[in-house]
Structure formats: structure tokens, C-alpha cells
PDB file of N, CA and C in Angstrom:
ATOM      1  N   MET A   1      -3.490  -5.627  10.644  1.00  0.00           N
ATOM      2  CA  MET A   1      -3.497  -4.599  11.545  1.00  0.00           C
ATOM      3  C   MET A   1      -3.303  -3.141  10.993  1.00  0.00           C
ATOM      4  N   VAL A   2      -4.067  -2.309  11.083  1.00  0.00           N
ATOM      5  CA  VAL A   2      -3.582  -0.827  10.482  1.00  0.00           C
ATOM      6  C   VAL A   2      -3.297  -0.100  11.818  1.00  0.00           C
ATOM      7  N   ARG A   3      -1.961   0.596  11.569  1.00  0.00           N
ATOM      8  CA  ARG A   3      -1.429   1.337  12.802  1.00  0.00           C
ATOM      9  C   ARG A   3      -1.876   2.662  12.561  1.00  0.00           C
ATOM     10  N   ALA A   4      -2.255   3.341  13.612  1.00  0.00           N
ATOM     11  CA  ALA A   4      -2.625   4.738  13.736  1.00  0.00           C
ATOM     12  C   ALA A   4      -1.348   5.576  13.611  1.00  0.00           C
ATOM     13  N   PRO A   5      -1.189   6.538  12.718  1.00  0.00           N
ATOM     14  CA  PRO A   5       0.128   7.471  13.135  1.00  0.00           C
ATOM     15  C   PRO A   5       0.227   8.088  14.278  1.00  0.00           C
ATOM     16  N   ILE A   6       1.493   8.349  14.928  1.00  0.00           N
ATOM     17  CA  ILE A   6       1.648   8.726  16.112  1.00  0.00           C
ATOM     18  C   ILE A   6       1.768  10.266  15.970  1.00  0.00           C
ATOM     19  N   HIS A   7       1.915  10.788  14.816  1.00  0.00           N
ATOM     20  CA  HIS A   7       2.080  12.218  14.503  1.00  0.00           C
ATOM     21  C   HIS A   7       1.159  12.511  13.113  1.00  0.00           C
ATOM     22  N   PRO A   8       0.628  13.671  12.935  1.00  0.00           N
ATOM     23  CA  PRO A   8      -0.066  13.919  11.928  1.00  0.00           C
ATOM     24  C   PRO A   8       0.585  13.661  10.287  1.00  0.00           C
ATOM     25  N   LEU A   9       0.130  13.205   9.441  1.00  0.00           N
ATOM     26  CA  LEU A   9       0.844  12.941   8.256  1.00  0.00           C
ATOM     27  C   LEU A   9       1.117  14.075   7.472  1.00  0.00           C
ATOM     28  N   THR A  10       2.153  14.270   6.822  1.00  0.00           N
ATOM     29  CA  THR A  10       2.547  15.250   6.020  1.00  0.00           C
ATOM     30  C   THR A  10       1.568  15.199   4.539  1.00  0.00           C
ATOM     31  N   PRO A  11       1.516  16.148   3.870  1.00  0.00           N
ATOM     32  CA  PRO A  11       0.795  15.998   2.716  1.00  0.00           C
ATOM     33  C   PRO A  11       1.658  14.953   1.649  1.00  0.00           C
ATOM     34  N   TRP A  12       2.718  14.947   1.873  1.00  0.00           N
ATOM     35  CA  TRP A  12       3.607  13.930   0.947  1.00  0.00           C
ATOM     36  C   TRP A  12       3.165  12.526   1.409  1.00  0.00           C
ATOM     37  N   GLU A  13       3.251  12.329   2.516  1.00  0.00           N
ATOM     38  CA  GLU A  13       2.849  11.027   3.135  1.00  0.00           C
ATOM     39  C   GLU A  13       1.278  10.628   2.552  1.00  0.00           C
ATOM     40  N   GLN A  14       0.499  11.610   2.841  1.00  0.00           N
ATOM     41  CA  GLN A  14      -1.028  11.342   2.373  1.00  0.00           C
ATOM     42  C   GLN A  14      -0.988  10.953   0.926  1.00  0.00           C
ATOM     43  N   ARG A  15      -0.121  11.958   0.018  1.00  0.00           N
ATOM     44  CA  ARG A  15      -0.192  11.525  -1.293  1.00  0.00           C
ATOM     45  C   ARG A  15       0.630  10.261  -1.636  1.00  0.00           C
ATOM     46  N   ARG A  16       1.519   9.667  -0.844  1.00  0.00           N
ATOM     47  CA  ARG A  16       2.097   8.424  -1.192  1.00  0.00           C
ATOM     48  C   ARG A  16       1.371   7.256  -0.815  1.00  0.00           C
ATOM     49  N   GLY A  17       0.323   7.367   0.346  1.00  0.00           N
ATOM     50  CA  GLY A  17      -0.512   6.373   0.706  1.00  0.00           C
ATOM     51  C   GLY A  17      -1.718   6.313  -0.324  1.00  0.00           C
ATOM     52  N   ALA A  18      -1.949   7.438  -0.857  1.00  0.00           N
ATOM     53  CA  ALA A  18      -2.962   7.308  -2.016  1.00  0.00           C
ATOM     54  C   ALA A  18      -2.578   6.651  -3.175  1.00  0.00           C
ATOM     55  N   ARG A  19      -1.481   6.942  -3.554  1.00  0.00           N
ATOM     56  CA  ARG A  19      -0.601   6.527  -4.647  1.00  0.00           C
ATOM     57  C   ARG A  19      -0.663   4.766  -4.523  1.00  0.00           C
ATOM     58  N   PHE A  20      -0.207   4.316  -3.419  1.00  0.00           N
ATOM     59  CA  PHE A  20      -0.054   3.208  -3.062  1.00  0.00           C
ATOM     60  C   PHE A  20      -1.290   2.285  -3.166  1.00  0.00           C
ATOM     61  N   GLY A  21      -2.377   3.188  -2.430  1.00  0.00           N
ATOM     62  CA  GLY A  21      -3.820   2.535  -2.453  1.00  0.00           C
ATOM     63  C   GLY A  21      -4.354   2.049  -4.060  1.00  0.00           C
ATOM     64  N   ALA A  22      -4.027   3.167  -4.702  1.00  0.00           N
ATOM     65  CA  ALA A  22      -4.542   2.982  -6.244  1.00  0.00           C
ATOM     66  C   ALA A  22      -3.722   1.934  -6.566  1.00  0.00           C
ATOM     67  N   LEU A  23      -2.338   1.982  -6.526  1.00  0.00           N
ATOM     68  CA  LEU A  23      -1.552   0.663  -7.098  1.00  0.00           C
ATOM     69  C   LEU A  23      -2.087  -0.555  -6.708  1.00  0.00           C
ATOM     70  N   LEU A  24      -2.442  -0.636  -5.481  1.00  0.00           N
ATOM     71  CA  LEU A  24      -3.073  -1.960  -4.853  1.00  0.00           C
ATOM     72  C   LEU A  24      -4.262  -2.317  -5.610  1.00  0.00           C
ATOM     73  N   ARG A  25      -5.059  -1.339  -5.861  1.00  0.00           N
ATOM     74  CA  ARG A  25      -6.470  -1.567  -6.550  1.00  0.00           C
ATOM     75  C   ARG A  25      -6.094  -2.073  -7.935  1.00  0.00           C
ATOM     76  N   GLN A  26      -5.346  -1.293  -8.671  1.00  0.00           N
ATOM     77  CA  GLN A  26      -4.760  -1.775 -10.060  1.00  0.00           C
ATOM     78  C   GLN A  26      -4.336  -3.069 -10.107  1.00  0.00           C
ATOM     79  N   THR A  27      -3.563  -3.351  -9.209  1.00  0.00           N
ATOM     80  CA  THR A  27      -2.798  -4.801  -9.112  1.00  0.00           C
ATOM     81  C   THR A  27      -3.775  -5.764  -9.012  1.00  0.00           C
ATOM     82  N   ARG A  28      -4.903  -5.612  -8.123  1.00  0.00           N
ATOM     83  CA  ARG A  28      -5.676  -6.578  -7.505  1.00  0.00           C
ATOM     84  C   ARG A  28      -6.646  -6.997  -8.817  1.00  0.00           C
ATOM     85  N   GLY A  29      -6.748  -5.854  -9.721  1.00  0.00           N
ATOM     86  CA  GLY A  29      -7.615  -6.178 -10.702  1.00  0.00           C
ATOM     87  C   GLY A  29      -8.949  -6.657 -10.617  1.00  0.00           C
ATOM     88  N   ASP A  30      -9.532  -7.901 -11.124  1.00  0.00           N
ATOM     89  CA  ASP A  30     -10.671  -8.245 -11.048  1.00  0.00           C
ATOM     90  C   ASP A  30     -10.859  -9.225  -9.894  1.00  0.00           C
ATOM     91  N   ARG A  31      -9.586  -9.399  -9.164  1.00  0.00           N
ATOM     92  CA  ARG A  31      -9.974 -10.327  -7.889  1.00  0.00           C
ATOM     93  C   ARG A  31     -10.692  -9.364  -6.698  1.00  0.00           C
ATOM     94  N   SER A  32     -11.409 -10.388  -6.114  1.00  0.00           N
ATOM     95  CA  SER A  32     -12.298  -9.706  -5.112  1.00  0.00           C
ATOM     96  C   SER A  32     -11.605  -9.222  -3.843  1.00  0.00           C
ATOM     97  N   MET A  33     -12.331  -8.352  -3.124  1.00  0.00           N
ATOM     98  CA  MET A  33     -12.020  -7.595  -2.079  1.00  0.00           C
ATOM     99  C   MET A  33     -11.971  -8.831  -0.955  1.00  0.00           C
ATOM    100  N   VAL A  34     -12.427 -10.001  -1.154  1.00  0.00           N
ATOM    101  CA  VAL A  34     -12.372 -11.069  -0.211  1.00  0.00           C
ATOM    102  C   VAL A  34     -11.321 -11.809  -0.369  1.00  0.00           C
ATOM    103  N   GLU A  35     -11.073 -12.151  -1.699  1.00  0.00           N
ATOM    104  CA  GLU A  35     -10.204 -13.202  -2.091  1.00  0.00           C
ATOM    105  C   GLU A  35      -8.719 -12.934  -1.720  1.00  0.00           C
ATOM    106  N   VAL A  36      -8.335 -11.627  -2.229  1.00  0.00           N
ATOM    107  CA  VAL A  36      -6.909 -11.083  -1.904  1.00  0.00           C
ATOM    108  C   VAL A  36      -6.470 -11.116  -0.264  1.00  0.00           C
ATOM    109  N   PRO A  37      -7.351 -10.458   0.496  1.00  0.00           N
ATOM    110  CA  PRO A  37      -7.125 -10.194   1.867  1.00  0.00           C
ATOM    111  C   PRO A  37      -6.955 -11.804   2.434  1.00  0.00           C
ATOM    112  N   ALA A  38      -7.983 -12.531   2.055  1.00  0.00           N
ATOM    113  CA  ALA A  38      -7.922 -13.895   2.661  1.00  0.00           C
ATOM    114  C   ALA A  38      -6.585 -14.718   2.372  1.00  0.00           C
ATOM    115  N   ALA A  39      -6.338 -14.528   0.982  1.00  0.00           N
ATOM    116  CA  ALA A  39      -4.786 -15.104   0.694  1.00  0.00           C
ATOM    117  C   ALA A  39      -3.745 -14.672   1.414  1.00  0.00           C
ATOM    118  N   ALA A  40      -3.721 -13.174   1.734  1.00  0.00           N
ATOM    119  CA  ALA A  40      -2.788 -12.541   2.559  1.00  0.00           C
ATOM    120  C   ALA A  40      -2.756 -12.839   4.010  1.00  0.00           C
ATOM    121  N   GLU A  41      -4.086 -13.368   4.371  1.00  0.00           N
ATOM    122  CA  GLU A  41      -4.250 -13.595   5.860  1.00  0.00           C
ATOM    123  C   GLU A  41      -4.199 -12.058   6.501  1.00  0.00           C
ATOM    124  N   VAL A  42      -4.912 -11.225   5.837  1.00  0.00           N
ATOM    125  CA  VAL A  42      -5.374  -9.882   6.542  1.00  0.00           C
ATOM    126  C   VAL A  42      -6.999  -9.535   6.282  1.00  0.00           C
ATOM    127  N   PRO A  43      -7.385  -8.825   7.486  1.00  0.00           N
ATOM    128  CA  PRO A  43      -8.860  -8.496   7.271  1.00  0.00           C
ATOM    129  C   PRO A  43      -9.032  -7.858   6.077  1.00  0.00           C
ATOM    130  N   ALA A  44     -10.255  -7.992   5.344  1.00  0.00           N
ATOM    131  CA  ALA A  44     -10.753  -7.410   4.136  1.00  0.00           C
ATOM    132  C   ALA A  44     -10.808  -5.860   4.483  1.00  0.00           C
ATOM    133  N   GLU A  45     -11.158  -5.525   5.320  1.00  0.00           N
ATOM    134  CA  GLU A  45     -11.453  -3.937   5.999  1.00  0.00           C
ATOM    135  C   GLU A  45      -9.988  -3.509   5.884  1.00  0.00           C
ATOM    136  N   THR A  46      -8.969  -4.084   6.188  1.00  0.00           N
ATOM    137  CA  THR A  46      -7.670  -3.393   6.156  1.00  0.00           C
ATOM    138  C   THR A  46      -7.214  -3.230   4.633  1.00  0.00           C
ATOM    139  N   LEU A  47      -7.445  -4.048   3.725  1.00  0.00           N
ATOM    140  CA  LEU A  47      -7.371  -3.785   2.246  1.00  0.00           C
ATOM    141  C   LEU A  47      -8.023  -2.607   1.923  1.00  0.00           C
ATOM    142  N   ARG A  48      -9.281  -2.448   2.168  1.00  0.00           N
ATOM    143  CA  ARG A  48     -10.403  -1.635   2.034  1.00  0.00           C
ATOM    144  C   ARG A  48      -9.829  -0.247   2.320  1.00  0.00           C
ATOM    145  N   LYS A  49      -9.200  -0.020   3.454  1.00  0.00           N
ATOM    146  CA  LYS A  49      -8.713   1.201   4.159  1.00  0.00           C
ATOM    147  C   LYS A  49      -7.388   1.533   3.375  1.00  0.00           C
ATOM    148  N   ILE A  50      -6.439   0.551   3.111  1.00  0.00           N
ATOM    149  CA  ILE A  50      -5.346   1.010   2.418  1.00  0.00           C
ATOM    150  C   ILE A  50      -5.805   1.402   1.075  1.00  0.00           C
ATOM    151  N   GLU A  51      -6.512   0.805   0.311  1.00  0.00           N
ATOM    152  CA  GLU A  51      -6.913   1.130  -1.076  1.00  0.00           C
ATOM    153  C   GLU A  51      -7.542   2.667  -1.231  1.00  0.00           C
ATOM    154  N   THR A  52      -8.445   2.937  -0.306  1.00  0.00           N
ATOM    155  CA  THR A  52      -8.896   4.418  -0.126  1.00  0.00           C
ATOM    156  C   THR A  52      -8.268   5.344   0.448  1.00  0.00           C
ATOM    157  N   GLY A  53      -7.224   4.965   0.959  1.00  0.00           N
ATOM    158  CA  GLY A  53      -6.307   6.099   1.448  1.00  0.00           C
ATOM    159  C   GLY A  53      -6.685   6.290   2.930  1.00  0.00           C
ATOM    160  N   ARG A  54      -7.450   5.656   3.449  1.00  0.00           N
ATOM    161  CA  ARG A  54      -7.831   5.843   4.900  1.00  0.00           C
ATOM    162  C   ARG A  54      -6.526   5.200   5.741  1.00  0.00           C
ATOM    163  N   ALA A  55      -5.935   4.311   5.378  1.00  0.00           N
ATOM    164  CA  ALA A  55      -4.700   3.602   5.894  1.00  0.00           C
ATOM    165  C   ALA A  55      -3.542   3.981   5.176  1.00  0.00           C
ATOM    166  N   PRO A  56      -2.776   5.227   4.995  1.00  0.00           N
ATOM    167  CA  PRO A  56      -1.825   5.566   4.220  1.00  0.00           C
ATOM    168  C   PRO A  56      -0.610   5.042   4.544  1.00  0.00           C
ATOM    169  N   THR A  57      -0.436   4.423   5.853  1.00  0.00           N
ATOM    170  CA  THR A  57       0.830   3.903   6.430  1.00  0.00           C
ATOM    171  C   THR A  57       0.627   2.626   6.944  1.00  0.00           C
ATOM    172  N   PRO A  58       0.368   1.611   6.116  1.00  0.00           N
ATOM    173  CA  PRO A  58       0.022   0.284   6.580  1.00  0.00           C
ATOM    174  C   PRO A  58       1.312  -0.308   6.971  1.00  0.00           C
ATOM    175  N   ALA A  59       1.351  -1.434   8.003  1.00  0.00           N
ATOM    176  CA  ALA A  59       2.532  -2.018   8.604  1.00  0.00           C
ATOM    177  C   ALA A  59       3.198  -2.736   7.490  1.00  0.00           C
ATOM    178  N   PHE A  60       4.573  -2.742   7.538  1.00  0.00           N
ATOM    179  CA  PHE A  60       5.461  -3.646   6.624  1.00  0.00           C
ATOM    180  C   PHE A  60       4.932  -4.874   6.254  1.00  0.00           C
ATOM    181  N   PHE A  61       4.577  -5.741   7.384  1.00  0.00           N
ATOM    182  CA  PHE A  61       4.159  -7.177   7.162  1.00  0.00           C
ATOM    183  C   PHE A  61       2.820  -7.092   6.593  1.00  0.00           C
ATOM    184  N   THR A  62       1.915  -6.246   6.537  1.00  0.00           N
ATOM    185  CA  THR A  62       0.739  -6.275   5.707  1.00  0.00           C
ATOM    186  C   THR A  62       1.100  -5.965   4.319  1.00  0.00           C
ATOM    187  N   VAL A  63       1.770  -5.098   4.192  1.00  0.00           N
ATOM    188  CA  VAL A  63       2.292  -4.953   2.693  1.00  0.00           C
ATOM    189  C   VAL A  63       2.905  -6.011   2.166  1.00  0.00           C
ATOM    190  N   ALA A  64       3.776  -6.754   2.820  1.00  0.00           N
ATOM    191  CA  ALA A  64       4.420  -7.991   2.395  1.00  0.00           C
ATOM    192  C   ALA A  64       3.342  -8.952   2.054  1.00  0.00           C
ATOM    193  N   ALA A  65       2.495  -9.085   2.914  1.00  0.00           N
ATOM    194  CA  ALA A  65       1.597 -10.219   2.830  1.00  0.00           C
ATOM    195  C   ALA A  65       0.669 -10.179   1.804  1.00  0.00           C
ATOM    196  N   LEU A  66       0.567  -8.545   1.445  1.00  0.00           N
ATOM    197  CA  LEU A  66      -0.458  -8.325   0.284  1.00  0.00           C
ATOM    198  C   LEU A  66       0.319  -8.338  -1.171  1.00  0.00           C
ATOM    199  N   ALA A  67       1.596  -8.229  -1.099  1.00  0.00           N
ATOM    200  CA  ALA A  67       2.374  -8.101  -2.158  1.00  0.00           C
ATOM    201  C   ALA A  67       2.502  -9.818  -2.656  1.00  0.00           C
ATOM    202  N   ALA A  68       2.745 -10.462  -1.449  1.00  0.00           N
ATOM    203  CA  ALA A  68       2.895 -11.896  -1.758  1.00  0.00           C
ATOM    204  C   ALA A  68       1.552 -12.518  -2.476  1.00  0.00           C
ATOM    205  N   ALA A  69       0.544 -12.199  -1.847  1.00  0.00           N
ATOM    206  CA  ALA A  69      -0.680 -12.760  -2.256  1.00  0.00           C
ATOM    207  C   ALA A  69      -1.006 -12.286  -3.682  1.00  0.00           C
ATOM    208  N   LEU A  70      -0.752 -11.212  -4.160  1.00  0.00           N
ATOM    209  CA  LEU A  70      -0.811 -10.465  -5.568  1.00  0.00           C
ATOM    210  C   LEU A  70       0.307 -10.997  -6.337  1.00  0.00           C
ATOM    211  N   GLU A  71       1.178 -11.691  -5.892  1.00  0.00           N
ATOM    212  CA  GLU A  71       2.425 -12.141  -6.711  1.00  0.00           C
ATOM    213  C   GLU A  71       3.218 -10.865  -7.241  1.00  0.00           C
ATOM    214  N   VAL A  72       3.288  -9.895  -6.600  1.00  0.00           N
ATOM    215  CA  VAL A  72       4.195  -8.685  -7.023  1.00  0.00           C
ATOM    216  C   VAL A  72       5.320  -8.257  -5.987  1.00  0.00           C
ATOM    217  N   SER A  73       6.253  -7.830  -6.606  1.00  0.00           N
ATOM    218  CA  SER A  73       7.538  -7.479  -5.988  1.00  0.00           C
ATOM    219  C   SER A  73       7.372  -6.289  -4.851  1.00  0.00           C
ATOM    220  N   LEU A  74       8.065  -6.377  -3.693  1.00  0.00           N
ATOM    221  CA  LEU A  74       7.857  -5.344  -2.872  1.00  0.00           C
ATOM    222  C   LEU A  74       8.686  -4.063  -3.708  1.00  0.00           C
ATOM    223  N   ASP A  75       9.707  -4.270  -4.048  1.00  0.00           N
ATOM    224  CA  ASP A  75      10.659  -3.419  -4.663  1.00  0.00           C
ATOM    225  C   ASP A  75       9.861  -2.541  -5.848  1.00  0.00           C
ATOM    226  N   GLU A  76       9.224  -3.022  -6.583  1.00  0.00           N
ATOM    227  CA  GLU A  76       8.268  -2.616  -7.746  1.00  0.00           C
ATOM    228  C   GLU A  76       7.171  -1.562  -7.163  1.00  0.00           C
ATOM    229  N   ARG A  77       6.570  -2.151  -5.992  1.00  0.00           N
ATOM    230  CA  ARG A  77       5.714  -1.312  -5.181  1.00  0.00           C
ATOM    231  C   ARG A  77       6.234  -0.047  -4.713  1.00  0.00           C
ATOM    232  N   ALA A  78       7.308  -0.099  -3.879  1.00  0.00           N
ATOM    233  CA  ALA A  78       7.791   0.853  -3.184  1.00  0.00           C
ATOM    234  C   ALA A  78       8.407   1.850  -4.083  1.00  0.00           C
ATOM    235  N   THR A  79       9.131   1.520  -5.444  1.00  0.00           N
ATOM    236  CA  THR A  79       9.574   2.339  -6.312  1.00  0.00           C
ATOM    237  C   THR A  79       8.216   3.025  -7.007  1.00  0.00           C
ATOM    238  N   ALA A  80       7.153   2.473  -7.228  1.00  0.00           N
ATOM    239  CA  ALA A  80       6.082   3.076  -7.830  1.00  0.00           C
ATOM    240  C   ALA A  80       5.556   4.115  -6.966  1.00  0.00           C
ATOM    241  N   CYS A  81       5.615   4.162  -5.776  1.00  0.00           N
ATOM    242  CA  CYS A  81       5.216   5.100  -4.631  1.00  0.00           C
ATOM    243  C   CYS A  81       5.976   6.271  -4.383  1.00  0.00           C
ATOM    244  N   LEU A  82       7.295   6.236  -5.096  1.00  0.00           N
ATOM    245  CA  LEU A  82       8.049   7.549  -5.001  1.00  0.00           C
ATOM    246  C   LEU A  82       7.359   8.487  -5.787  1.00  0.00           C
ATOM    247  N   PRO A  83       7.659   9.886  -5.407  1.00  0.00           N
ATOM    248  CA  PRO A  83       7.241  10.811  -5.958  1.00  0.00           C
ATOM    249  C   PRO A  83       7.252  11.066  -7.779  1.00  0.00           C
ATOM    250  N   ASP A  84       8.446  10.571  -8.011  1.00  0.00           N
ATOM    251  CA  ASP A  84       8.629  10.532  -9.565  1.00  0.00           C
ATOM    252  C   ASP A  84       8.280   9.314  -9.950  1.00  0.00           C
ATOM    253  N   GLY A  85       7.671   8.402  -9.303  1.00  0.00           N
ATOM    254  CA  GLY A  85       7.505   7.087  -9.973  1.00  0.00           C
ATOM    255  C   GLY A  85       8.678   6.148 -10.010  1.00  0.00           C
ATOM    256  N   GLY A  86       9.816   6.653  -9.272  1.00  0.00           N
ATOM    257  CA  GLY A  86      10.898   5.776  -9.613  1.00  0.00           C
ATOM    258  C   GLY A  86      11.828   6.007 -10.764  1.00  0.00           C
ATOM    259  N   ARG A  87      11.462   7.087 -11.292  1.00  0.00           N
ATOM    260  CA  ARG A  87      12.255   7.508 -12.712  1.00  0.00           C
ATOM    261  C   ARG A  87      13.859   8.226 -12.329  1.00  0.00           C
ATOM    262  N   GLY A  88      13.787   8.664 -10.954  1.00  0.00           N
ATOM    263  CA  GLY A  88      15.208   9.314 -10.535  1.00  0.00           C
ATOM    264  C   GLY A  88      15.657   8.691  -9.322  1.00  0.00           C
ATOM    265  N   ASN A  89      16.665   9.204  -8.725  1.00  0.00           N
ATOM    266  CA  ASN A  89      17.291   8.615  -7.560  1.00  0.00           C
ATOM    267  C   ASN A  89      16.876   9.148  -6.296  1.00  0.00           C
ATOM    268  N   GLN A  90      15.639   9.818  -6.096  1.00  0.00           N
ATOM    269  CA  GLN A  90      15.315  10.293  -5.097  1.00  0.00           C
ATOM    270  C   GLN A  90      14.874   9.358  -3.998  1.00  0.00           C
ATOM    271  N   ALA A  91      15.382   9.369  -2.767  1.00  0.00           N
ATOM    272  CA  ALA A  91      15.044   8.395  -1.659  1.00  0.00           C
ATOM    273  C   ALA A  91      13.800   8.899  -0.964  1.00  0.00           C
ATOM    274  N   ILE A  92      13.108   8.024  -0.160  1.00  0.00           N
ATOM    275  CA  ILE A  92      12.086   8.367   0.655  1.00  0.00           C
ATOM    276  C   ILE A  92      12.648   8.726   1.918  1.00  0.00           C
ATOM    277  N   SER A  93      12.331  10.044   2.336  1.00  0.00           N
ATOM    278  CA  SER A  93      12.813  10.536   3.659  1.00  0.00           C
ATOM    279  C   SER A  93      11.660  10.663   4.514  1.00  0.00           C
ATOM    280  N   ALA A  94      11.961  10.447   5.902  1.00  0.00           N
ATOM    281  CA  ALA A  94      10.967  10.549   6.791  1.00  0.00           C
ATOM    282  C   ALA A  94      10.549  12.156   7.297  1.00  0.00           C
TER     283      ALA A  94
END
């Protein structure tokens, strides 16, 4: 399920969502847009929205299910979405 934000997203949040979507596309590789969400038990449209940046703030359990289906670490995905790609000590702030 894709959650609608209760407040407008900041430009940083939009960029983070775009980075996460691109990361999912890259990680999915040649696996189909049907195969991965089926394995994660999420709708294909949810994955499509995340990958295209139309859902830049997916629910945690959606992200966890997709990470498990793609066999990737949540820590690595979160780090890769930091503004500096995880090269520094910058924390995500709300």
C-alpha cells in the first residue's frame, strides 16, 4: 500500500525518493515488474510508483518486503539513499 504524505514533500525528500526508485530499478535488473512484487506480496503498481518516484515515501513494510524479495540488505538500501551515498556520517532528518 502506498501512503499519501500528510504534508508536501521537501525537495530533499523528493530526491531521496527518486534515488530509492532508481536503486530499486537497478537492483531488480532483468527481473520482471510482475515477478518481484509477486515475490514481495505487494501490488505491481506499488513497485512501479516507487521506481518512477510517484511514491517517494513508501511504507517501511513495503520496503522490507521488496528488499527481501530482491535479497538485499535494508541497511545498504538506506545508506545508498543518503545525500552523500553513505560516505559520511550524515543522518537522515525529518
